[in-house]
C-alpha cells in the first residue's frame, strides 16, 4: 500500500452537492483507505512548490490564488498502485473539456482547472506530495465529518455553460453575475468568503 494526497479543491470543498457526491465515492473505501482528512488553508509557498512544474504558464498566478484563497479539505489515502490508477480513472482527466464521460470531473467540474479534486497520480508522486504537505498540516488524523448527501442544488451544467460564455467574452457581466448567484445557492458561504470563491472561480475564465 502506498500513500496518496487528496485535496478537495475550492469548487469541491464549497459546492456542497458536488462535495457530497465525491465524498460518497471516496468514503466507500472500495480499494483504498482514508487515513486522514482535515480543513487546511495552504500558504502560497506550498502551492508554488506543489505545482512547480507549471511555473511560467500563463495561469500559474491564478492557480496559486485558487488554491490559497480559502481553506480546503485535505487528506491522505492509502492504496495499491493498481487501486490508485483505478481511482484516477474514476476521477477523470485533468481538463474538464477532456474528462471521460461518467467520471467525477465530467460530472462536477466547471471549466478547465476547476476540476474538483487533486489525487496523486502514482505511488512515487504520492510519497513526495504527502511528505511535502505533512510539513504544513497533520496528515495522520480524521477530524472532518463530511456528508454523502446534500439538500443544496447542483448547478454544474448551468455553471459550465455560463463559464464558457465568460471565457468566450459573451454576455460577460450577466453570465458572471449569474455564476455568483448559482455558486451562492450551492454553498453555505457568505460575505468575504463567498466573494473570494466567486473571484477565484472567475479567475479561471480570464
N, C-alpha and C. Protein backbone atom coordinates (compact mmCIF):
# COMPACT_ATOMS: atom_id res chain seq x y z
N UNK A 1 0.84 -1.20 0.00
CA UNK A 1 0.00 0.00 0.00
C UNK A 1 0.88 1.25 0.00
N UNK A 2 0.44 2.25 -0.75
CA UNK A 2 1.19 3.50 -0.86
C UNK A 2 0.30 4.67 -0.46
N UNK A 3 0.94 5.77 -0.07
CA UNK A 3 0.20 6.98 0.28
C UNK A 3 -0.11 7.81 -0.96
N UNK A 4 -1.24 8.50 -0.91
CA UNK A 4 -1.60 9.45 -1.95
C UNK A 4 -2.23 10.67 -1.28
N UNK A 5 -1.93 11.83 -1.81
CA UNK A 5 -2.51 13.08 -1.30
C UNK A 5 -3.82 13.33 -2.01
N UNK A 6 -4.83 13.72 -1.24
CA UNK A 6 -6.12 14.09 -1.83
C UNK A 6 -6.49 15.48 -1.36
N UNK A 7 -6.93 16.32 -2.29
CA UNK A 7 -7.34 17.69 -1.97
C UNK A 7 -8.68 17.96 -2.62
N UNK A 8 -9.67 18.29 -1.80
CA UNK A 8 -10.91 18.81 -2.33
C UNK A 8 -10.65 20.28 -2.67
N UNK A 9 -10.49 20.57 -3.94
CA UNK A 9 -10.22 21.94 -4.35
C UNK A 9 -11.41 22.83 -3.96
N UNK A 10 -11.26 24.16 -4.01
CA UNK A 10 -12.35 25.01 -3.53
C UNK A 10 -13.72 24.68 -4.11
N UNK A 11 -13.76 24.34 -5.41
CA UNK A 11 -15.06 24.03 -6.01
C UNK A 11 -15.69 22.79 -5.39
N UNK A 12 -14.89 21.82 -4.97
CA UNK A 12 -15.44 20.63 -4.32
C UNK A 12 -15.58 20.80 -2.82
N UNK A 13 -14.81 21.68 -2.22
CA UNK A 13 -14.93 21.92 -0.78
C UNK A 13 -16.19 22.70 -0.44
N UNK A 14 -16.64 23.58 -1.36
CA UNK A 14 -17.72 24.51 -1.01
C UNK A 14 -19.00 24.34 -1.82
N UNK A 15 -18.95 23.68 -2.94
CA UNK A 15 -20.19 23.34 -3.66
C UNK A 15 -20.69 22.04 -3.03
N UNK A 16 -21.68 22.15 -2.16
CA UNK A 16 -21.98 21.07 -1.24
C UNK A 16 -22.54 19.83 -1.90
N UNK A 17 -23.32 19.97 -2.96
CA UNK A 17 -23.82 18.78 -3.65
C UNK A 17 -22.68 18.04 -4.34
N UNK A 18 -21.78 18.80 -4.95
CA UNK A 18 -20.62 18.19 -5.59
C UNK A 18 -19.74 17.50 -4.54
N UNK A 19 -19.53 18.17 -3.41
CA UNK A 19 -18.70 17.57 -2.35
C UNK A 19 -19.32 16.28 -1.85
N UNK A 20 -20.63 16.26 -1.67
CA UNK A 20 -21.30 15.06 -1.18
C UNK A 20 -21.17 13.92 -2.18
N UNK A 21 -21.31 14.23 -3.47
CA UNK A 21 -21.19 13.19 -4.48
C UNK A 21 -19.80 12.58 -4.52
N UNK A 22 -18.78 13.43 -4.45
CA UNK A 22 -17.40 12.95 -4.47
C UNK A 22 -17.07 12.20 -3.19
N UNK A 23 -17.53 12.73 -2.05
CA UNK A 23 -17.25 12.09 -0.78
C UNK A 23 -17.95 10.73 -0.69
N UNK A 24 -19.13 10.61 -1.27
CA UNK A 24 -19.80 9.32 -1.27
C UNK A 24 -18.96 8.24 -1.93
N UNK A 25 -18.28 8.62 -3.00
CA UNK A 25 -17.37 7.68 -3.68
C UNK A 25 -16.12 7.44 -2.85
N UNK A 26 -15.48 8.51 -2.40
CA UNK A 26 -14.21 8.36 -1.70
C UNK A 26 -14.39 7.61 -0.37
N UNK A 27 -15.48 7.89 0.34
CA UNK A 27 -15.69 7.28 1.65
C UNK A 27 -16.11 5.81 1.56
N UNK A 28 -16.42 5.34 0.35
CA UNK A 28 -16.77 3.93 0.20
C UNK A 28 -15.57 3.02 0.48
N UNK A 29 -14.36 3.59 0.33
CA UNK A 29 -13.11 2.86 0.61
C UNK A 29 -13.11 1.48 -0.06
N UNK A 30 -13.51 1.46 -1.33
CA UNK A 30 -13.62 0.18 -2.04
C UNK A 30 -12.29 -0.56 -2.12
N UNK A 31 -11.27 0.18 -2.57
CA UNK A 31 -9.95 -0.44 -2.70
C UNK A 31 -8.87 0.42 -2.05
N UNK A 32 -9.27 1.29 -1.19
CA UNK A 32 -8.35 2.23 -0.56
C UNK A 32 -8.82 2.51 0.85
N UNK A 33 -7.99 3.18 1.62
CA UNK A 33 -8.35 3.55 2.99
C UNK A 33 -8.05 5.02 3.22
N UNK A 34 -9.00 5.73 3.79
CA UNK A 34 -8.80 7.14 4.13
C UNK A 34 -8.06 7.21 5.46
N UNK A 35 -6.86 7.73 5.43
CA UNK A 35 -6.02 7.78 6.62
C UNK A 35 -6.15 9.10 7.38
N UNK A 36 -6.47 10.17 6.66
CA UNK A 36 -6.62 11.48 7.32
C UNK A 36 -7.49 12.38 6.47
N UNK A 37 -8.10 13.36 7.14
CA UNK A 37 -8.92 14.35 6.46
C UNK A 37 -9.06 15.54 7.39
N UNK A 38 -8.77 16.74 6.89
CA UNK A 38 -8.84 17.94 7.72
C UNK A 38 -9.04 19.16 6.84
N UNK A 39 -9.47 20.27 7.44
CA UNK A 39 -9.54 21.55 6.75
C UNK A 39 -8.19 22.25 6.89
N UNK A 40 -7.72 22.84 5.78
CA UNK A 40 -6.41 23.48 5.80
C UNK A 40 -6.35 24.53 4.70
N UNK A 41 -5.83 25.70 5.04
CA UNK A 41 -5.60 26.76 4.05
C UNK A 41 -4.11 26.86 3.80
N UNK A 42 -3.63 26.36 2.67
CA UNK A 42 -2.18 26.31 2.44
C UNK A 42 -1.59 27.67 2.14
N UNK A 43 -0.35 27.88 2.52
CA UNK A 43 0.35 29.12 2.14
C UNK A 43 0.77 29.06 0.67
N UNK A 44 1.02 30.23 0.11
CA UNK A 44 1.40 30.30 -1.30
C UNK A 44 2.66 29.50 -1.59
N UNK A 45 3.62 29.52 -0.66
CA UNK A 45 4.88 28.80 -0.90
C UNK A 45 4.65 27.31 -1.10
N UNK A 46 3.70 26.73 -0.37
CA UNK A 46 3.42 25.30 -0.51
C UNK A 46 2.80 25.01 -1.87
N UNK A 47 1.86 25.83 -2.29
CA UNK A 47 1.22 25.61 -3.59
C UNK A 47 2.21 25.83 -4.73
N UNK A 48 3.05 26.82 -4.61
CA UNK A 48 4.06 27.07 -5.64
C UNK A 48 5.01 25.89 -5.75
N UNK A 49 5.34 25.27 -4.63
CA UNK A 49 6.19 24.09 -4.65
C UNK A 49 5.45 22.88 -5.21
N UNK A 50 4.20 22.72 -4.80
CA UNK A 50 3.39 21.59 -5.26
C UNK A 50 3.23 21.59 -6.77
N UNK A 51 3.04 22.79 -7.34
CA UNK A 51 2.81 22.91 -8.77
C UNK A 51 4.02 23.53 -9.48
N UNK A 52 5.21 23.24 -8.98
CA UNK A 52 6.40 23.88 -9.55
C UNK A 52 6.59 23.55 -11.02
N UNK A 53 6.05 22.41 -11.48
CA UNK A 53 6.20 22.02 -12.88
C UNK A 53 5.35 22.89 -13.81
N UNK A 54 4.48 23.72 -13.23
CA UNK A 54 3.63 24.60 -14.03
C UNK A 54 4.10 26.06 -13.98
N UNK A 55 5.17 26.32 -13.26
CA UNK A 55 5.68 27.69 -13.20
C UNK A 55 6.00 28.19 -14.61
N UNK A 56 5.66 29.44 -14.85
CA UNK A 56 5.89 30.01 -16.17
C UNK A 56 4.68 29.93 -17.07
N UNK A 57 3.70 29.10 -16.71
CA UNK A 57 2.48 29.03 -17.51
C UNK A 57 1.60 30.25 -17.22
N UNK A 58 0.83 30.72 -18.20
CA UNK A 58 0.05 31.95 -18.01
C UNK A 58 -0.94 31.88 -16.84
N UNK A 59 -1.40 30.70 -16.52
CA UNK A 59 -2.42 30.56 -15.48
C UNK A 59 -1.84 30.29 -14.09
N UNK A 60 -0.52 30.31 -13.96
CA UNK A 60 0.09 29.90 -12.69
C UNK A 60 -0.33 30.83 -11.54
N UNK A 61 -0.36 32.12 -11.78
CA UNK A 61 -0.76 33.05 -10.73
C UNK A 61 -2.18 32.79 -10.26
N UNK A 62 -3.08 32.55 -11.23
CA UNK A 62 -4.46 32.20 -10.85
C UNK A 62 -4.48 30.91 -10.03
N UNK A 63 -3.73 29.91 -10.45
CA UNK A 63 -3.74 28.62 -9.76
C UNK A 63 -3.32 28.76 -8.30
N UNK A 64 -2.29 29.54 -8.05
CA UNK A 64 -1.85 29.77 -6.67
C UNK A 64 -2.94 30.47 -5.88
N UNK A 65 -3.57 31.47 -6.48
CA UNK A 65 -4.67 32.18 -5.81
C UNK A 65 -5.83 31.23 -5.54
N UNK A 66 -6.18 30.43 -6.52
CA UNK A 66 -7.29 29.47 -6.41
C UNK A 66 -7.09 28.52 -5.23
N UNK A 67 -5.86 28.06 -5.05
CA UNK A 67 -5.57 27.04 -4.04
C UNK A 67 -5.21 27.60 -2.68
N UNK A 68 -5.15 28.93 -2.55
CA UNK A 68 -4.78 29.52 -1.26
C UNK A 68 -5.83 30.48 -0.70
N UNK A 69 -6.84 30.82 -1.49
CA UNK A 69 -7.79 31.86 -1.09
C UNK A 69 -8.69 31.43 0.07
N UNK A 70 -8.95 30.13 0.18
CA UNK A 70 -9.88 29.62 1.19
C UNK A 70 -9.35 28.30 1.76
N UNK A 71 -9.76 27.94 2.98
CA UNK A 71 -9.42 26.59 3.48
C UNK A 71 -10.05 25.52 2.58
N UNK A 72 -9.37 24.40 2.48
CA UNK A 72 -9.85 23.27 1.67
C UNK A 72 -9.79 22.00 2.51
N UNK A 73 -10.53 20.99 2.09
CA UNK A 73 -10.45 19.68 2.72
C UNK A 73 -9.25 18.94 2.12
N UNK A 74 -8.33 18.55 2.98
CA UNK A 74 -7.08 17.90 2.55
C UNK A 74 -6.93 16.60 3.32
N UNK A 75 -6.40 15.57 2.66
CA UNK A 75 -6.23 14.31 3.37
C UNK A 75 -5.23 13.40 2.71
N UNK A 76 -5.12 12.22 3.30
CA UNK A 76 -4.20 11.19 2.81
C UNK A 76 -4.97 9.88 2.70
N UNK A 77 -4.78 9.19 1.59
CA UNK A 77 -5.35 7.86 1.42
C UNK A 77 -4.23 6.88 1.17
N UNK A 78 -4.46 5.63 1.51
CA UNK A 78 -3.51 4.58 1.18
C UNK A 78 -4.18 3.62 0.21
N UNK A 79 -3.43 3.22 -0.81
CA UNK A 79 -3.96 2.36 -1.85
C UNK A 79 -2.81 1.68 -2.58
N UNK A 80 -3.10 0.55 -3.18
CA UNK A 80 -2.10 -0.08 -4.03
C UNK A 80 -1.94 0.74 -5.30
N UNK A 81 -0.88 0.51 -6.04
CA UNK A 81 -0.66 1.24 -7.29
C UNK A 81 -1.81 1.00 -8.25
N UNK A 82 -2.30 -0.23 -8.29
CA UNK A 82 -3.40 -0.57 -9.19
C UNK A 82 -4.69 0.13 -8.77
N UNK A 83 -4.96 0.15 -7.46
CA UNK A 83 -6.17 0.80 -6.97
C UNK A 83 -6.10 2.31 -7.22
N UNK A 84 -4.93 2.89 -7.04
CA UNK A 84 -4.76 4.32 -7.28
C UNK A 84 -5.02 4.65 -8.75
N UNK A 85 -4.57 3.80 -9.63
CA UNK A 85 -4.84 4.01 -11.05
C UNK A 85 -6.34 3.96 -11.34
N UNK A 86 -7.03 3.03 -10.71
CA UNK A 86 -8.49 2.94 -10.91
C UNK A 86 -9.20 4.15 -10.30
N UNK A 87 -8.70 4.64 -9.17
CA UNK A 87 -9.29 5.84 -8.58
C UNK A 87 -9.16 7.03 -9.54
N UNK A 88 -8.01 7.16 -10.13
CA UNK A 88 -7.80 8.29 -11.05
C UNK A 88 -8.64 8.11 -12.32
N UNK A 89 -8.89 6.89 -12.71
CA UNK A 89 -9.80 6.65 -13.85
C UNK A 89 -11.20 7.11 -13.49
N UNK A 90 -11.65 6.80 -12.27
CA UNK A 90 -12.97 7.25 -11.82
C UNK A 90 -13.03 8.77 -11.75
N UNK A 91 -11.93 9.38 -11.34
CA UNK A 91 -11.88 10.84 -11.20
C UNK A 91 -11.97 11.53 -12.56
N UNK A 92 -11.24 11.03 -13.56
CA UNK A 92 -11.29 11.61 -14.89
C UNK A 92 -10.08 12.48 -15.20
N UNK A 93 -9.96 12.84 -16.46
CA UNK A 93 -8.83 13.64 -16.92
C UNK A 93 -8.84 15.03 -16.29
N UNK A 94 -7.67 15.66 -16.26
CA UNK A 94 -7.48 16.92 -15.56
C UNK A 94 -8.37 18.03 -16.12
N UNK A 95 -8.36 18.21 -17.42
CA UNK A 95 -9.13 19.29 -18.03
C UNK A 95 -10.58 18.84 -18.22
N UNK A 96 -11.49 19.66 -17.75
CA UNK A 96 -12.90 19.30 -17.78
C UNK A 96 -13.38 18.96 -19.18
N UNK A 97 -12.95 19.75 -20.16
CA UNK A 97 -13.42 19.53 -21.54
C UNK A 97 -12.96 18.18 -22.08
N UNK A 98 -11.98 17.56 -21.44
CA UNK A 98 -11.45 16.29 -21.92
C UNK A 98 -11.75 15.13 -20.96
N UNK A 99 -12.52 15.40 -19.92
CA UNK A 99 -12.78 14.37 -18.92
C UNK A 99 -13.71 13.29 -19.47
N UNK A 100 -13.40 12.07 -19.14
CA UNK A 100 -14.17 10.92 -19.61
C UNK A 100 -15.62 11.01 -19.16
N UNK A 101 -16.57 10.81 -20.06
CA UNK A 101 -17.98 10.81 -19.67
C UNK A 101 -18.24 9.81 -18.54
N UNK A 102 -18.94 10.28 -17.51
CA UNK A 102 -19.23 9.44 -16.35
C UNK A 102 -18.22 9.58 -15.24
N UNK A 103 -17.11 10.27 -15.50
CA UNK A 103 -16.12 10.47 -14.44
C UNK A 103 -16.60 11.60 -13.52
N UNK A 104 -15.97 11.71 -12.36
CA UNK A 104 -16.39 12.74 -11.41
C UNK A 104 -16.08 14.14 -11.92
N UNK A 105 -14.99 14.30 -12.61
CA UNK A 105 -14.68 15.62 -13.15
C UNK A 105 -15.65 16.00 -14.26
N UNK A 106 -16.05 15.04 -15.07
CA UNK A 106 -17.05 15.32 -16.10
C UNK A 106 -18.39 15.66 -15.45
N UNK A 107 -18.67 15.03 -14.33
CA UNK A 107 -19.96 15.22 -13.66
C UNK A 107 -20.01 16.53 -12.88
N UNK A 108 -18.91 16.92 -12.21
CA UNK A 108 -18.96 18.06 -11.30
C UNK A 108 -18.02 19.21 -11.66
N UNK A 109 -17.11 19.01 -12.59
CA UNK A 109 -16.17 20.07 -12.94
C UNK A 109 -16.85 21.19 -13.70
N UNK A 110 -16.32 22.41 -13.58
CA UNK A 110 -16.94 23.57 -14.20
C UNK A 110 -16.22 24.00 -15.48
N UNK A 111 -14.89 24.16 -15.39
CA UNK A 111 -14.17 24.67 -16.56
C UNK A 111 -12.68 24.50 -16.33
N UNK A 112 -11.96 24.03 -17.33
CA UNK A 112 -10.51 23.98 -17.27
C UNK A 112 -9.98 23.34 -16.01
N UNK A 113 -9.26 24.13 -15.20
CA UNK A 113 -8.65 23.61 -13.98
C UNK A 113 -9.56 23.64 -12.77
N UNK A 114 -10.81 24.08 -12.93
CA UNK A 114 -11.78 24.00 -11.81
C UNK A 114 -12.33 22.58 -11.84
N UNK A 115 -11.54 21.65 -11.34
CA UNK A 115 -11.76 20.23 -11.61
C UNK A 115 -11.90 19.37 -10.36
N UNK A 116 -12.41 19.96 -9.29
CA UNK A 116 -12.88 19.24 -8.11
C UNK A 116 -11.81 18.71 -7.17
N UNK A 117 -10.94 17.87 -7.66
CA UNK A 117 -10.12 17.09 -6.74
C UNK A 117 -8.69 16.96 -7.27
N UNK A 118 -7.75 17.01 -6.34
CA UNK A 118 -6.38 16.57 -6.65
C UNK A 118 -6.18 15.20 -6.03
N UNK A 119 -5.61 14.29 -6.79
CA UNK A 119 -5.26 12.97 -6.28
C UNK A 119 -3.91 12.57 -6.89
N UNK A 120 -2.97 12.22 -6.04
CA UNK A 120 -1.63 11.84 -6.52
C UNK A 120 -1.75 10.82 -7.65
N UNK A 121 -0.91 10.99 -8.68
CA UNK A 121 -1.06 10.16 -9.88
C UNK A 121 -0.27 8.87 -9.85
N UNK A 122 0.55 8.64 -8.82
CA UNK A 122 1.34 7.41 -8.72
C UNK A 122 1.88 7.30 -7.30
N UNK A 123 2.26 6.09 -6.87
CA UNK A 123 2.80 5.94 -5.52
C UNK A 123 4.01 6.83 -5.25
N UNK A 124 4.89 6.98 -6.23
CA UNK A 124 6.08 7.80 -6.03
C UNK A 124 5.69 9.27 -5.84
N UNK A 125 4.77 9.73 -6.66
CA UNK A 125 4.29 11.11 -6.53
C UNK A 125 3.59 11.31 -5.19
N UNK A 126 2.79 10.31 -4.81
CA UNK A 126 2.07 10.39 -3.55
C UNK A 126 3.02 10.52 -2.37
N UNK A 127 4.07 9.72 -2.36
CA UNK A 127 5.02 9.78 -1.25
C UNK A 127 5.66 11.15 -1.16
N UNK A 128 6.01 11.73 -2.31
CA UNK A 128 6.64 13.06 -2.33
C UNK A 128 5.65 14.13 -1.89
N UNK A 129 4.42 14.07 -2.39
CA UNK A 129 3.43 15.08 -2.05
C UNK A 129 3.03 15.02 -0.57
N UNK A 130 2.82 13.82 -0.06
CA UNK A 130 2.45 13.67 1.35
C UNK A 130 3.57 14.19 2.25
N UNK A 131 4.81 13.87 1.91
CA UNK A 131 5.94 14.36 2.71
C UNK A 131 6.01 15.88 2.69
N UNK A 132 5.76 16.48 1.54
CA UNK A 132 5.81 17.95 1.42
C UNK A 132 4.70 18.59 2.24
N UNK A 133 3.49 18.09 2.09
CA UNK A 133 2.35 18.70 2.78
C UNK A 133 2.37 18.42 4.28
N UNK A 134 2.93 17.29 4.69
CA UNK A 134 2.98 16.95 6.11
C UNK A 134 3.84 17.92 6.92
N UNK A 135 4.66 18.70 6.24
CA UNK A 135 5.45 19.73 6.93
C UNK A 135 4.58 20.92 7.33
N UNK A 136 3.37 21.01 6.75
CA UNK A 136 2.50 22.15 6.98
C UNK A 136 1.19 21.77 7.68
N UNK A 137 0.76 20.53 7.54
CA UNK A 137 -0.54 20.12 8.07
C UNK A 137 -0.46 18.66 8.52
N UNK A 138 -1.15 18.34 9.61
CA UNK A 138 -1.18 16.96 10.08
C UNK A 138 -1.96 16.08 9.11
N UNK A 139 -1.35 14.99 8.70
CA UNK A 139 -1.99 14.06 7.78
C UNK A 139 -2.08 12.67 8.42
N UNK A 140 -2.40 12.67 9.72
CA UNK A 140 -2.48 11.39 10.44
C UNK A 140 -3.75 11.29 11.28
N UNK A 141 -4.75 12.13 10.98
CA UNK A 141 -5.98 12.06 11.77
C UNK A 141 -7.19 12.43 10.91
N UNK A 142 -8.34 11.90 11.30
CA UNK A 142 -9.59 12.21 10.64
C UNK A 142 -10.38 13.15 11.54
N UNK A 143 -10.44 14.42 11.19
CA UNK A 143 -11.19 15.35 12.03
C UNK A 143 -12.22 16.14 11.23
N UNK A 144 -12.63 15.61 10.09
CA UNK A 144 -13.68 16.20 9.27
C UNK A 144 -14.75 15.15 9.03
N UNK A 145 -15.99 15.52 9.25
CA UNK A 145 -17.11 14.61 9.03
C UNK A 145 -17.97 15.19 7.90
N UNK A 146 -17.75 14.71 6.69
CA UNK A 146 -18.48 15.21 5.54
C UNK A 146 -19.76 14.40 5.32
N UNK A 147 -20.71 15.00 4.65
CA UNK A 147 -21.98 14.33 4.37
C UNK A 147 -21.95 13.72 2.97
N UNK A 148 -22.66 12.61 2.81
CA UNK A 148 -22.75 11.96 1.50
C UNK A 148 -24.01 12.38 0.75
N UNK A 149 -24.82 13.21 1.36
CA UNK A 149 -26.00 13.76 0.70
C UNK A 149 -26.08 15.26 1.03
N UNK A 150 -26.71 16.01 0.14
CA UNK A 150 -26.87 17.44 0.37
C UNK A 150 -28.20 17.91 -0.17
N UNK A 151 -28.83 18.81 0.54
CA UNK A 151 -30.07 19.41 0.07
C UNK A 151 -29.82 20.61 -0.83
N UNK A 152 -28.56 21.00 -0.94
CA UNK A 152 -28.23 22.12 -1.80
C UNK A 152 -28.36 21.71 -3.28
N UNK A 153 -28.70 22.64 -4.16
CA UNK A 153 -28.82 22.31 -5.58
C UNK A 153 -27.46 22.06 -6.22
N UNK A 154 -27.48 21.34 -7.30
CA UNK A 154 -26.27 21.09 -8.09
C UNK A 154 -26.45 21.78 -9.43
N UNK A 155 -25.72 22.88 -9.62
CA UNK A 155 -25.85 23.69 -10.83
C UNK A 155 -24.70 23.45 -11.81
N UNK A 156 -24.04 22.31 -11.73
CA UNK A 156 -22.83 22.08 -12.51
C UNK A 156 -23.00 22.45 -13.98
N UNK A 157 -24.00 21.93 -14.63
CA UNK A 157 -24.10 22.10 -16.08
C UNK A 157 -24.49 23.52 -16.46
N UNK A 158 -25.26 24.20 -15.63
CA UNK A 158 -25.56 25.61 -15.87
C UNK A 158 -24.30 26.45 -15.67
N UNK A 159 -23.55 26.16 -14.61
CA UNK A 159 -22.30 26.88 -14.38
C UNK A 159 -21.32 26.66 -15.52
N UNK A 160 -21.28 25.45 -16.03
CA UNK A 160 -20.36 25.15 -17.13
C UNK A 160 -20.73 25.96 -18.38
N UNK A 161 -22.01 26.08 -18.66
CA UNK A 161 -22.46 26.85 -19.81
C UNK A 161 -22.12 28.33 -19.63
N UNK A 162 -22.36 28.85 -18.44
CA UNK A 162 -22.06 30.26 -18.17
C UNK A 162 -20.56 30.51 -18.22
N UNK A 163 -19.78 29.57 -17.69
CA UNK A 163 -18.31 29.71 -17.71
C UNK A 163 -17.80 29.77 -19.14
N UNK A 164 -18.39 28.98 -20.02
CA UNK A 164 -17.98 29.01 -21.43
C UNK A 164 -18.29 30.37 -22.05
N UNK A 165 -19.41 30.98 -21.66
CA UNK A 165 -19.74 32.30 -22.18
C UNK A 165 -18.74 33.34 -21.68
N UNK A 166 -18.45 33.32 -20.39
CA UNK A 166 -17.50 34.29 -19.84
C UNK A 166 -16.14 34.13 -20.51
N UNK A 167 -15.67 32.89 -20.61
CA UNK A 167 -14.36 32.63 -21.23
C UNK A 167 -14.34 33.06 -22.69
N UNK A 168 -15.49 32.99 -23.33
CA UNK A 168 -15.58 33.38 -24.74
C UNK A 168 -15.90 34.84 -24.96
N UNK A 169 -16.02 35.62 -23.87
CA UNK A 169 -16.30 37.04 -23.99
C UNK A 169 -17.73 37.35 -24.38
N UNK A 170 -18.65 36.44 -24.07
CA UNK A 170 -20.05 36.59 -24.46
C UNK A 170 -20.90 36.87 -23.21
N UNK A 171 -21.64 37.96 -23.22
CA UNK A 171 -22.50 38.32 -22.08
C UNK A 171 -21.73 38.22 -20.75
N UNK A 172 -20.53 38.75 -20.73
CA UNK A 172 -19.62 38.53 -19.60
C UNK A 172 -20.21 39.01 -18.28
N UNK A 173 -20.73 40.22 -18.24
CA UNK A 173 -21.23 40.76 -16.97
C UNK A 173 -22.44 39.97 -16.48
N UNK A 174 -23.37 39.70 -17.36
CA UNK A 174 -24.57 38.98 -16.97
C UNK A 174 -24.25 37.55 -16.56
N UNK A 175 -23.42 36.88 -17.34
CA UNK A 175 -23.07 35.49 -17.03
C UNK A 175 -22.26 35.40 -15.74
N UNK A 176 -21.38 36.37 -15.50
CA UNK A 176 -20.58 36.39 -14.27
C UNK A 176 -21.47 36.55 -13.05
N UNK A 177 -22.43 37.47 -13.14
CA UNK A 177 -23.32 37.69 -12.01
C UNK A 177 -24.20 36.47 -11.76
N UNK A 178 -24.65 35.83 -12.82
CA UNK A 178 -25.46 34.63 -12.64
C UNK A 178 -24.64 33.51 -12.02
N UNK A 179 -23.36 33.40 -12.39
CA UNK A 179 -22.49 32.40 -11.77
C UNK A 179 -22.38 32.65 -10.28
N UNK A 180 -22.24 33.92 -9.89
CA UNK A 180 -22.15 34.25 -8.48
C UNK A 180 -23.39 33.78 -7.74
N UNK A 181 -24.56 34.04 -8.32
CA UNK A 181 -25.81 33.64 -7.67
C UNK A 181 -25.92 32.12 -7.54
N UNK A 182 -25.52 31.41 -8.58
CA UNK A 182 -25.60 29.94 -8.54
C UNK A 182 -24.62 29.35 -7.53
N UNK A 183 -23.41 29.90 -7.49
CA UNK A 183 -22.42 29.42 -6.51
C UNK A 183 -22.90 29.67 -5.09
N UNK A 184 -23.56 30.80 -4.87
CA UNK A 184 -24.10 31.09 -3.55
C UNK A 184 -25.18 30.09 -3.17
N UNK A 185 -26.03 29.71 -4.14
CA UNK A 185 -27.08 28.74 -3.87
C UNK A 185 -26.50 27.36 -3.54
N UNK A 186 -25.37 27.03 -4.14
CA UNK A 186 -24.77 25.71 -3.94
C UNK A 186 -24.02 25.58 -2.62
N UNK A 187 -23.64 26.69 -2.02
CA UNK A 187 -22.74 26.66 -0.86
C UNK A 187 -23.40 27.29 0.36
N UNK A 188 -22.67 27.25 1.47
CA UNK A 188 -23.08 27.93 2.70
C UNK A 188 -22.26 29.20 2.93
N UNK A 189 -21.47 29.58 1.95
CA UNK A 189 -20.60 30.74 2.10
C UNK A 189 -21.39 32.04 2.07
N UNK A 190 -20.90 33.02 2.82
CA UNK A 190 -21.48 34.35 2.83
C UNK A 190 -20.36 35.38 2.93
N UNK A 191 -20.67 36.62 2.60
CA UNK A 191 -19.73 37.71 2.81
C UNK A 191 -18.41 37.54 2.06
N UNK A 192 -17.31 37.85 2.74
CA UNK A 192 -16.00 37.82 2.10
C UNK A 192 -15.61 36.44 1.56
N UNK A 193 -15.87 35.35 2.30
CA UNK A 193 -15.54 34.04 1.72
C UNK A 193 -16.27 33.76 0.41
N UNK A 194 -17.55 34.16 0.32
CA UNK A 194 -18.30 33.98 -0.93
C UNK A 194 -17.70 34.82 -2.04
N UNK A 195 -17.32 36.05 -1.73
CA UNK A 195 -16.70 36.91 -2.73
C UNK A 195 -15.38 36.32 -3.21
N UNK A 196 -14.61 35.74 -2.28
CA UNK A 196 -13.34 35.12 -2.66
C UNK A 196 -13.58 33.91 -3.55
N UNK A 197 -14.60 33.13 -3.23
CA UNK A 197 -14.92 31.94 -4.03
C UNK A 197 -15.33 32.34 -5.45
N UNK A 198 -16.15 33.37 -5.55
CA UNK A 198 -16.56 33.87 -6.86
C UNK A 198 -15.36 34.39 -7.64
N UNK A 199 -14.49 35.14 -6.97
CA UNK A 199 -13.32 35.73 -7.63
C UNK A 199 -12.39 34.66 -8.19
N UNK A 200 -12.10 33.64 -7.39
CA UNK A 200 -11.15 32.63 -7.89
C UNK A 200 -11.78 31.73 -8.95
N UNK A 201 -13.11 31.61 -8.92
CA UNK A 201 -13.78 30.86 -9.98
C UNK A 201 -13.72 31.63 -11.30
N UNK A 202 -14.06 32.92 -11.25
CA UNK A 202 -13.99 33.74 -12.46
C UNK A 202 -12.56 33.89 -12.95
N UNK A 203 -11.60 33.84 -12.05
CA UNK A 203 -10.21 33.98 -12.45
C UNK A 203 -9.76 32.93 -13.45
N UNK A 204 -10.38 31.77 -13.39
CA UNK A 204 -10.02 30.69 -14.32
C UNK A 204 -10.49 30.99 -15.74
N UNK A 205 -11.40 31.93 -15.88
CA UNK A 205 -12.03 32.19 -17.17
C UNK A 205 -11.41 33.39 -17.89
N UNK A 206 -10.49 34.06 -17.22
CA UNK A 206 -9.89 35.28 -17.78
C UNK A 206 -9.00 34.95 -18.98
